[in-house]
Amino acid sequence: MPKPRYRPAEMAASPDDVEAAFYEALHAGDIEQLMACWADEDDIVCVHPAGSRLVGAAAIRSSFESMLTGGRIRVTVERTRKVESLSASVHSVLERVDVQTAEGPQHAWVVATNVFLKTAHGWRLVAHHASPGRAEVAEATVPGQLLH
């Protein structure tokens, strides 16, 4: 296996840094950078839209390698909602995926959740769960209400 060009420590300053590196890796088609974003844990998890649950680095790497065989993936994060603590950060993102079709360029929408944990080596991605979405109904909000 080739040595990664990107060391995880270079990207681990914050969950936002790791998330940016993850999407940059997809856009660049760089599997080494993409895998450097993930934690070194046996139980890391990835679910692609309409896909099964992938557990562990080998399964996740294999799926992204298959996705990247055609080159890079043009993903733009349109909106992000975050819940953060000292050692965990959960980002709900609306992704716009640009695809080329017979009718010309089109957009596909994906709603994803990225979960980051602060490890001994800095922030790392531990879960990426993506579902098909639509931009016009990707987010429903209700004015704030007290729960208690």
Protein backbone atom coordinates (compact mmCIF):
# COMPACT_ATOMS: atom_id res chain seq x y z
CA MET A 1 0.00 0.00 0.00
CA PRO A 2 1.48 3.40 -0.93
CA LYS A 3 2.41 5.80 1.84
CA PRO A 4 -0.22 8.55 2.27
CA ARG A 5 0.79 11.98 0.98
CA TYR A 6 -1.32 13.59 3.69
CA ARG A 7 -0.71 12.84 7.33
CA PRO A 8 -3.82 13.03 9.49
CA ALA A 9 -2.09 15.34 11.98
CA GLU A 10 -1.87 17.99 9.26
CA MET A 11 -5.66 18.14 9.06
CA ALA A 12 -6.70 17.55 12.63
CA ALA A 13 -6.89 21.09 14.06
CA SER A 14 -10.70 21.09 14.04
CA PRO A 15 -13.65 19.06 12.76
CA ASP A 16 -14.11 21.77 10.10
CA ASP A 17 -10.54 21.20 8.87
CA VAL A 18 -11.09 17.44 8.60
CA GLU A 19 -14.42 17.94 6.84
CA ALA A 20 -12.87 20.37 4.35
CA ALA A 21 -10.06 17.89 3.64
CA PHE A 22 -12.61 15.09 3.15
CA TYR A 23 -14.56 17.05 0.52
CA GLU A 24 -11.35 18.33 -1.11
CA ALA A 25 -10.21 14.71 -1.43
CA LEU A 26 -13.47 13.74 -3.16
CA HIS A 27 -13.15 16.70 -5.50
CA ALA A 28 -9.51 15.85 -6.27
CA GLY A 29 -10.14 12.10 -6.53
CA ASP A 30 -7.42 11.56 -3.89
CA ILE A 31 -8.06 8.33 -1.95
CA GLU A 32 -5.00 8.83 0.27
CA GLN A 33 -6.15 12.24 1.49
CA LEU A 34 -9.67 10.93 1.91
CA MET A 35 -8.58 7.99 4.07
CA ALA A 36 -6.28 10.23 6.13
CA CYS A 37 -9.44 11.98 7.38
CA TRP A 38 -10.77 8.81 9.02
CA ALA A 39 -9.99 7.59 12.54
CA ASP A 40 -7.83 4.53 13.03
CA GLU A 41 -10.66 2.61 14.68
CA ASP A 42 -12.11 -0.76 13.76
CA ASP A 43 -15.67 0.51 14.05
CA ILE A 44 -15.63 3.53 11.72
CA VAL A 45 -18.79 3.51 9.61
CA CYS A 46 -19.84 4.79 6.19
CA VAL A 47 -23.22 4.55 4.46
CA HIS A 48 -23.54 5.79 0.88
CA PRO A 49 -26.97 6.77 -0.51
CA ALA A 50 -29.08 3.61 -0.78
CA GLY A 51 -26.04 1.56 0.22
CA SER A 52 -25.31 -0.90 2.97
CA ARG A 53 -23.37 -0.09 6.13
CA LEU A 54 -19.62 -0.31 5.60
CA VAL A 55 -17.60 -0.97 8.76
CA GLY A 56 -13.83 -0.55 9.02
CA ALA A 57 -11.19 1.20 6.99
CA ALA A 58 -10.76 -1.58 4.41
CA ALA A 59 -14.45 -1.63 3.46
CA ILE A 60 -14.67 2.17 3.40
CA ARG A 61 -11.52 2.51 1.31
CA SER A 62 -12.72 -0.10 -1.17
CA SER A 63 -16.06 1.67 -1.67
CA PHE A 64 -14.46 5.07 -2.23
CA GLU A 65 -11.86 3.55 -4.58
CA SER A 66 -14.74 2.16 -6.65
CA MET A 67 -16.47 5.53 -6.65
CA LEU A 68 -13.27 7.32 -7.68
CA THR A 69 -12.38 4.99 -10.59
CA GLY A 70 -14.16 7.42 -12.90
CA GLY A 71 -12.17 10.34 -11.50
CA ARG A 72 -13.05 12.96 -9.01
CA ILE A 73 -16.45 13.57 -7.47
CA ARG A 74 -17.67 17.15 -7.62
CA VAL A 75 -19.36 17.69 -4.27
CA THR A 76 -20.15 21.10 -2.83
CA VAL A 77 -21.41 21.51 0.72
CA GLU A 78 -24.37 23.90 0.46
CA ARG A 79 -25.54 24.04 4.07
CA THR A 80 -24.21 22.76 7.38
CA ARG A 81 -25.78 22.40 10.82
CA LYS A 82 -23.46 21.51 13.71
CA VAL A 83 -23.74 20.14 17.21
CA GLU A 84 -20.38 20.35 18.95
CA SER A 85 -18.83 19.44 22.28
CA LEU A 86 -15.28 19.26 23.56
CA SER A 87 -14.64 15.81 22.10
CA ALA A 88 -17.34 15.23 19.48
CA SER A 89 -18.86 17.13 16.59
CA VAL A 90 -21.84 16.14 14.45
CA HIS A 91 -22.33 17.94 11.13
CA SER A 92 -25.52 17.60 9.12
CA VAL A 93 -24.71 18.75 5.59
CA LEU A 94 -26.59 19.28 2.36
CA GLU A 95 -24.31 18.19 -0.48
CA ARG A 96 -24.76 19.22 -4.10
CA VAL A 97 -23.17 16.65 -6.40
CA ASP A 98 -22.52 17.84 -9.95
CA VAL A 99 -22.99 15.06 -12.51
CA GLN A 100 -22.70 15.01 -16.27
CA THR A 101 -25.67 13.37 -18.02
CA ALA A 102 -26.73 12.92 -21.64
CA GLU A 103 -28.89 16.03 -21.15
CA GLY A 104 -25.93 18.02 -19.85
CA PRO A 105 -24.80 18.98 -16.36
CA GLN A 106 -27.22 18.14 -13.56
CA HIS A 107 -27.23 18.40 -9.76
CA ALA A 108 -27.94 15.54 -7.40
CA TRP A 109 -28.66 16.33 -3.76
CA VAL A 110 -27.44 14.33 -0.81
CA VAL A 111 -28.17 14.84 2.87
CA ALA A 112 -25.24 13.58 4.94
CA THR A 113 -24.21 13.35 8.56
CA ASN A 114 -20.51 13.50 9.40
CA VAL A 115 -19.44 12.56 12.92
CA PHE A 116 -16.03 13.59 14.24
CA LEU A 117 -14.28 12.58 17.45
CA LYS A 118 -11.27 14.15 19.07
CA THR A 119 -8.70 11.38 19.39
CA ALA A 120 -5.16 11.25 20.76
CA HIS A 121 -4.08 12.18 17.21
CA GLY A 122 -6.53 15.05 16.77
CA TRP A 123 -9.96 15.26 15.18
CA ARG A 124 -10.99 12.36 12.94
CA LEU A 125 -14.05 11.30 10.97
CA VAL A 126 -15.72 8.24 12.53
CA ALA A 127 -19.00 8.13 10.59
CA HIS A 128 -20.33 9.41 7.26
CA HIS A 129 -23.97 8.58 6.54
CA ALA A 130 -25.46 9.88 3.29
CA SER A 131 -29.01 9.71 1.93
CA PRO A 132 -30.57 10.94 -1.30
CA GLY A 133 -32.14 14.35 -0.88
CA ARG A 134 -33.80 17.23 -2.68
CA ALA A 135 -32.68 20.81 -2.28
CA GLU A 136 -36.16 22.24 -1.93
CA VAL A 137 -37.11 19.93 0.96
CA ALA A 138 -33.69 19.17 2.39
CA GLU A 139 -34.28 21.15 5.55
CA ALA A 140 -37.43 21.67 7.57
CA THR A 141 -37.28 23.99 10.55
CA VAL A 142 -39.83 25.13 13.08
CA PRO A 143 -39.35 28.30 15.13
CA GLY A 144 -37.61 27.58 18.45
CA GLN A 145 -39.66 26.08 21.24
CA LEU A 146 -38.64 25.17 24.76
CA LEU A 147 -38.65 21.43 25.31
CA HIS A 148 -39.07 21.69 29.08
